[in-house]
Amino acid sequence: MPPESADAPCPRCEGRGWVLEPDGSAGTASPCSCRNAREVELRLERAGIPPRYLRKTLQNFNAESPSGADSLWQAKELSLQYVRDFLTSSGGFVETGLLFTGPPGGGKTHLAVGVLRALIERYAVRGRFVDFTDLVYQIQSTFDAGSEESKDQVLSPIIEAEVLVLDELGAQRSTPFVNDMLYLVLNKRYARCLPTIFTTNHPIGEPERTRDQSPDRPPAHQSSEVIPLTQRIPVRLVSRLYEMARMIELPVKDFRHEVQAGPIRV
């Protein structure tokens, strides 16, 4: 017998989602066990996770890195712990999110998506993934005369999501419009006690200088393009981040360059 297709209807309910249980009369309809799995898949689809990250989980996160294995293992364990502790003793969800910081290619988005997937699968939360630069462009497009969406239609699902992943914080150049949009999202989620998971390539504070380092010259090990987050978003919002999220640093080299693009071994 050929293997059953992943898209084949459930053999128990034949895809209806309900099972008719005999009760001596017309029968009683009860939810089929396949409904939970289907609802999880629908929640994952609605979360807006980019195709490249759809299969990223905490379990398949590679914490092996020549430049920072200890940091990666710690980041992975802290992410798993966050998922385990997400449900509070009172039956609600935690209010604090996570803030993944580190250079590009260190695995921040993988971990953020892994946490989001785990929360959707384990607690059936309404999750949402959004790249901040894409969000800014999407909001700007609503100002066009022929736009089919309003600003509120774009922002409402993001503000109201039970868990939000806001990727690439600080990637968009600071402007009054960008700052206003970011403040609106963060302030409303903060007021509603909704956890947000952030990723950013920018250090939260000023990059450290060595004792002999001139203030006008970056350290030898540091790129001149390293810009603190306080120069990308208002200081008041950076201050709010400390209250909204627990910071997890990934001070490692670009994993894509260091491991995935390494020399071919024969």
Protein backbone atom coordinates (compact mmCIF):
# COMPACT_ATOMS: atom_id res chain seq x y z
CA MET A 1 0.00 0.00 0.00
CA PRO A 2 1.49 3.40 -0.92
CA PRO A 3 2.17 5.80 1.95
CA GLU A 4 -0.62 8.15 2.86
CA SER A 5 -0.20 11.65 1.47
CA ALA A 6 0.41 14.45 3.96
CA ASP A 7 -2.52 16.28 2.31
CA ALA A 8 -4.86 13.28 2.50
CA PRO A 9 -7.95 13.76 4.68
CA CYS A 10 -7.95 12.30 8.16
CA PRO A 11 -9.18 8.68 7.92
CA ARG A 12 -11.12 9.05 11.17
CA CYS A 13 -13.24 12.08 10.22
CA GLU A 14 -12.56 12.14 6.45
CA GLY A 15 -11.47 15.76 6.66
CA ARG A 16 -14.61 17.08 8.31
CA GLY A 17 -12.94 17.77 11.67
CA TRP A 18 -15.81 16.14 13.54
CA VAL A 19 -16.59 12.54 14.42
CA LEU A 20 -20.11 11.24 14.85
CA GLU A 21 -20.24 9.08 17.97
CA PRO A 22 -23.16 6.61 18.30
CA ASP A 23 -25.54 7.53 21.14
CA GLY A 24 -28.55 5.36 20.36
CA SER A 25 -30.12 8.19 18.40
CA ALA A 26 -28.84 10.45 15.63
CA GLY A 27 -25.35 10.42 17.12
CA THR A 28 -23.25 13.05 18.88
CA ALA A 29 -20.65 15.08 17.03
CA SER A 30 -17.31 15.51 18.80
CA PRO A 31 -14.09 17.21 17.65
CA CYS A 32 -11.65 14.90 15.90
CA SER A 33 -8.11 14.68 17.25
CA CYS A 34 -6.80 15.98 13.91
CA ARG A 35 -8.34 19.40 14.57
CA ASN A 36 -5.57 20.43 16.94
CA ALA A 37 -2.86 19.68 14.41
CA ARG A 38 -4.79 21.48 11.68
CA GLU A 39 -5.37 24.52 13.87
CA VAL A 40 -1.67 24.69 14.71
CA GLU A 41 -0.81 24.62 11.00
CA LEU A 42 -3.31 27.40 10.33
CA ARG A 43 -1.86 29.51 13.12
CA LEU A 44 1.63 28.98 11.71
CA GLU A 45 0.44 29.98 8.23
CA ARG A 46 -1.21 33.13 9.58
CA ALA A 47 1.90 34.10 11.55
CA GLY A 48 3.57 35.44 8.39
CA ILE A 49 6.86 33.60 8.88
CA PRO A 50 9.02 34.05 5.73
CA PRO A 51 9.50 30.88 3.63
CA ARG A 52 13.24 30.72 4.43
CA TYR A 53 12.43 30.36 8.13
CA LEU A 54 9.34 28.17 8.00
CA ARG A 55 11.23 25.05 9.13
CA LYS A 56 13.44 26.78 11.68
CA THR A 57 12.94 25.40 15.18
CA LEU A 58 14.78 25.54 18.47
CA GLN A 59 15.57 21.86 18.05
CA ASN A 60 17.36 22.26 14.71
CA PHE A 61 19.25 25.42 15.73
CA ASN A 62 22.94 24.71 15.19
CA ALA A 63 24.83 25.90 18.28
CA GLU A 64 28.18 24.67 16.96
CA SER A 65 30.38 27.61 16.02
CA PRO A 66 34.16 27.97 16.24
CA SER A 67 33.82 31.59 17.31
CA GLY A 68 31.09 31.39 19.94
CA ALA A 69 29.73 27.95 20.75
CA ASP A 70 29.24 28.80 24.43
CA SER A 71 27.18 31.89 23.57
CA LEU A 72 25.04 29.96 21.09
CA TRP A 73 24.36 27.09 23.48
CA GLN A 74 23.40 29.57 26.18
CA ALA A 75 21.13 31.49 23.80
CA LYS A 76 19.43 28.25 22.77
CA GLU A 77 18.92 27.14 26.37
CA LEU A 78 17.54 30.53 27.40
CA SER A 79 15.12 30.36 24.45
CA LEU A 80 13.95 26.87 25.49
CA GLN A 81 13.57 28.05 29.06
CA TYR A 82 11.47 31.00 27.91
CA VAL A 83 9.08 28.60 26.16
CA ARG A 84 8.89 26.34 29.23
CA ASP A 85 8.12 29.28 31.52
CA PHE A 86 5.77 31.08 29.15
CA LEU A 87 2.64 29.93 31.01
CA THR A 88 2.42 31.57 34.44
CA SER A 89 1.12 29.96 37.63
CA SER A 90 -2.11 31.96 37.25
CA GLY A 91 -2.75 30.42 33.82
CA GLY A 92 -1.82 33.50 31.79
CA PHE A 93 1.18 34.27 29.60
CA VAL A 94 4.33 36.11 30.64
CA GLU A 95 4.43 39.80 29.76
CA THR A 96 8.16 39.99 29.06
CA GLY A 97 9.61 39.11 25.66
CA LEU A 98 13.14 38.52 24.37
CA LEU A 99 15.70 40.74 22.65
CA PHE A 100 18.29 38.91 20.53
CA THR A 101 21.32 41.07 19.74
CA GLY A 102 24.48 40.37 17.79
CA PRO A 103 26.19 40.72 14.40
CA PRO A 104 24.43 39.61 11.19
CA GLY A 105 24.38 35.87 10.56
CA GLY A 106 24.60 34.81 14.19
CA GLY A 107 21.24 33.01 14.31
CA LYS A 108 19.03 35.67 15.91
CA THR A 109 16.10 35.31 13.51
CA HIS A 110 16.33 31.50 13.65
CA LEU A 111 16.00 31.57 17.43
CA ALA A 112 13.21 34.15 17.35
CA VAL A 113 11.20 32.09 14.85
CA GLY A 114 11.98 28.92 16.82
CA VAL A 115 10.52 30.47 19.95
CA LEU A 116 7.46 31.71 18.04
CA ARG A 117 6.84 28.27 16.50
CA ALA A 118 7.19 26.56 19.87
CA LEU A 119 4.72 28.94 21.51
CA ILE A 120 2.18 28.44 18.72
CA GLU A 121 2.54 24.65 18.85
CA ARG A 122 2.57 24.34 22.63
CA TYR A 123 0.19 27.07 23.77
CA ALA A 124 -1.85 27.79 20.61
CA VAL A 125 -1.04 31.50 20.78
CA ARG A 126 -1.87 33.90 17.96
CA GLY A 127 1.62 34.75 16.78
CA ARG A 128 2.93 37.18 14.19
CA PHE A 129 6.29 37.71 12.48
CA VAL A 130 7.15 41.05 10.90
CA ASP A 131 10.33 42.54 9.47
CA PHE A 132 10.41 46.15 10.63
CA THR A 133 11.67 47.56 7.32
CA ASP A 134 8.91 45.71 5.44
CA LEU A 135 6.39 47.02 7.95
CA VAL A 136 7.48 50.62 7.37
CA TYR A 137 7.16 50.23 3.59
CA GLN A 138 3.80 48.53 3.97
CA ILE A 139 2.45 51.38 6.09
CA GLN A 140 3.83 53.97 3.68
CA SER A 141 2.06 52.21 0.80
CA THR A 142 -1.30 52.74 2.53
CA PHE A 143 -0.93 56.44 1.81
CA ASP A 144 -1.20 55.79 -1.93
CA ALA A 145 -4.53 56.72 -3.45
CA GLY A 146 -5.08 53.22 -4.84
CA SER A 147 -4.14 51.34 -1.66
CA GLU A 148 -6.52 48.55 -0.67
CA GLU A 149 -5.38 48.67 2.97
CA SER A 150 -5.50 51.37 5.60
CA LYS A 151 -2.78 51.99 8.17
CA ASP A 152 -5.04 50.57 10.89
CA GLN A 153 -5.59 47.38 8.87
CA VAL A 154 -1.84 46.89 8.63
CA LEU A 155 -1.07 47.70 12.25
CA SER A 156 -3.97 46.04 14.09
CA PRO A 157 -2.87 42.39 13.60
CA ILE A 158 0.65 43.35 14.71
CA ILE A 159 -0.41 45.31 17.76
CA GLU A 160 -2.97 42.71 18.83
CA ALA A 161 -0.94 39.53 18.25
CA GLU A 162 -0.50 37.55 21.46
CA VAL A 163 3.17 37.13 20.57
CA LEU A 164 5.01 39.32 18.07
CA VAL A 165 8.43 38.82 16.49
CA LEU A 166 9.79 42.19 15.38
CA ASP A 167 12.80 41.36 13.23
CA GLU A 168 15.69 43.68 12.31
CA LEU A 169 14.96 46.43 14.79
CA GLY A 170 17.04 49.48 13.91
CA ALA A 171 17.64 48.40 10.31
CA GLN A 172 15.51 51.27 9.02
CA ARG A 173 17.12 54.71 9.20
CA SER A 174 15.63 56.82 11.95
CA THR A 175 13.08 59.38 10.77
CA PRO A 176 10.16 61.01 12.58
CA PHE A 177 7.76 58.74 10.69
CA VAL A 178 9.70 55.55 11.51
CA ASN A 179 10.03 56.55 15.16
CA ASP A 180 6.33 57.35 15.43
CA MET A 181 5.35 53.97 13.97
CA LEU A 182 7.74 52.10 16.24
CA TYR A 183 6.57 53.98 19.30
CA LEU A 184 2.93 53.29 18.42
CA VAL A 185 3.54 49.53 18.13
CA LEU A 186 5.73 49.22 21.22
CA ASN A 187 3.64 51.48 23.43
CA LYS A 188 0.36 49.75 22.64
CA ARG A 189 1.85 46.29 23.14
CA TYR A 190 3.50 47.46 26.35
CA ALA A 191 0.20 48.84 27.65
CA ARG A 192 -1.58 45.58 26.80
CA CYS A 193 1.15 43.44 28.44
CA LEU A 194 1.74 41.51 25.20
CA PRO A 195 5.18 39.86 24.85
CA THR A 196 7.36 40.92 21.94
CA ILE A 197 10.47 39.17 20.62
CA PHE A 198 13.00 41.50 19.00
CA THR A 199 16.13 40.93 16.92
CA THR A 200 18.70 43.60 16.12
CA ASN A 201 22.20 43.79 14.65
CA HIS A 202 22.97 46.84 16.77
CA PRO A 203 24.46 46.75 20.26
CA ILE A 204 22.19 48.24 22.89
CA GLY A 205 24.86 50.52 24.35
CA GLU A 206 27.90 52.25 22.94
CA PRO A 207 30.51 49.79 21.59
CA GLU A 208 33.31 49.31 24.11
CA ARG A 209 36.72 50.83 23.33
CA THR A 210 40.05 49.49 24.41
CA ARG A 211 42.18 51.58 26.79
CA ASP A 212 44.41 52.91 24.00
CA GLN A 213 41.61 53.36 21.50
CA SER A 214 40.87 56.84 20.24
CA PRO A 215 37.20 57.87 20.57
CA ASP A 216 37.22 58.70 16.85
CA ARG A 217 38.59 55.34 15.70
CA PRO A 218 36.85 51.95 16.10
CA PRO A 219 38.79 49.07 17.70
CA ALA A 220 40.70 46.81 15.33
CA HIS A 221 38.33 43.92 15.96
CA GLN A 222 35.27 46.05 15.36
CA SER A 223 33.79 47.25 12.10
CA SER A 224 33.49 50.99 11.64
CA GLU A 225 29.87 50.32 10.70
CA VAL A 226 28.92 49.10 14.19
CA ILE A 227 26.28 51.58 15.30
CA PRO A 228 24.56 51.40 18.69
CA LEU A 229 20.80 51.05 18.74
CA THR A 230 20.48 54.42 20.47
CA GLN A 231 21.59 55.99 17.17
CA ARG A 232 18.93 54.10 15.21
CA ILE A 233 15.86 54.55 17.42
CA PRO A 234 15.03 57.11 20.15
CA VAL A 235 16.67 56.60 23.54
CA ARG A 236 13.25 56.49 25.23
CA LEU A 237 12.36 53.44 23.13
CA VAL A 238 15.65 51.72 23.94
CA SER A 239 14.85 52.32 27.60
CA ARG A 240 11.43 50.76 27.10
CA LEU A 241 13.08 47.66 25.59
CA TYR A 242 14.85 46.93 28.87
CA GLU A 243 11.46 46.62 30.53
CA MET A 244 9.73 44.79 27.70
CA ALA A 245 12.32 42.10 26.94
CA ARG A 246 15.16 40.05 28.34
CA MET A 247 18.32 40.53 26.32
CA ILE A 248 20.15 37.53 24.85
CA GLU A 249 23.46 38.35 23.20
CA LEU A 250 24.97 36.32 20.36
CA PRO A 251 28.47 37.86 20.02
CA VAL A 252 29.55 35.45 17.29
CA LYS A 253 30.88 35.74 13.76
CA ASP A 254 28.60 35.42 10.76
CA PHE A 255 27.51 31.77 10.84
CA ARG A 256 26.68 31.79 7.13
CA HIS A 257 30.23 32.85 6.32
CA GLU A 258 32.01 30.87 9.02
CA VAL A 259 30.27 27.50 8.72
CA GLN A 260 27.85 27.26 5.81
CA ALA A 261 30.19 28.97 3.31
CA GLY A 262 33.33 27.28 4.59
CA PRO A 263 35.71 25.25 2.43
CA ILE A 264 34.40 22.08 0.85
CA ARG A 265 35.94 19.04 2.51
CA VAL A 266 36.78 16.07 0.28
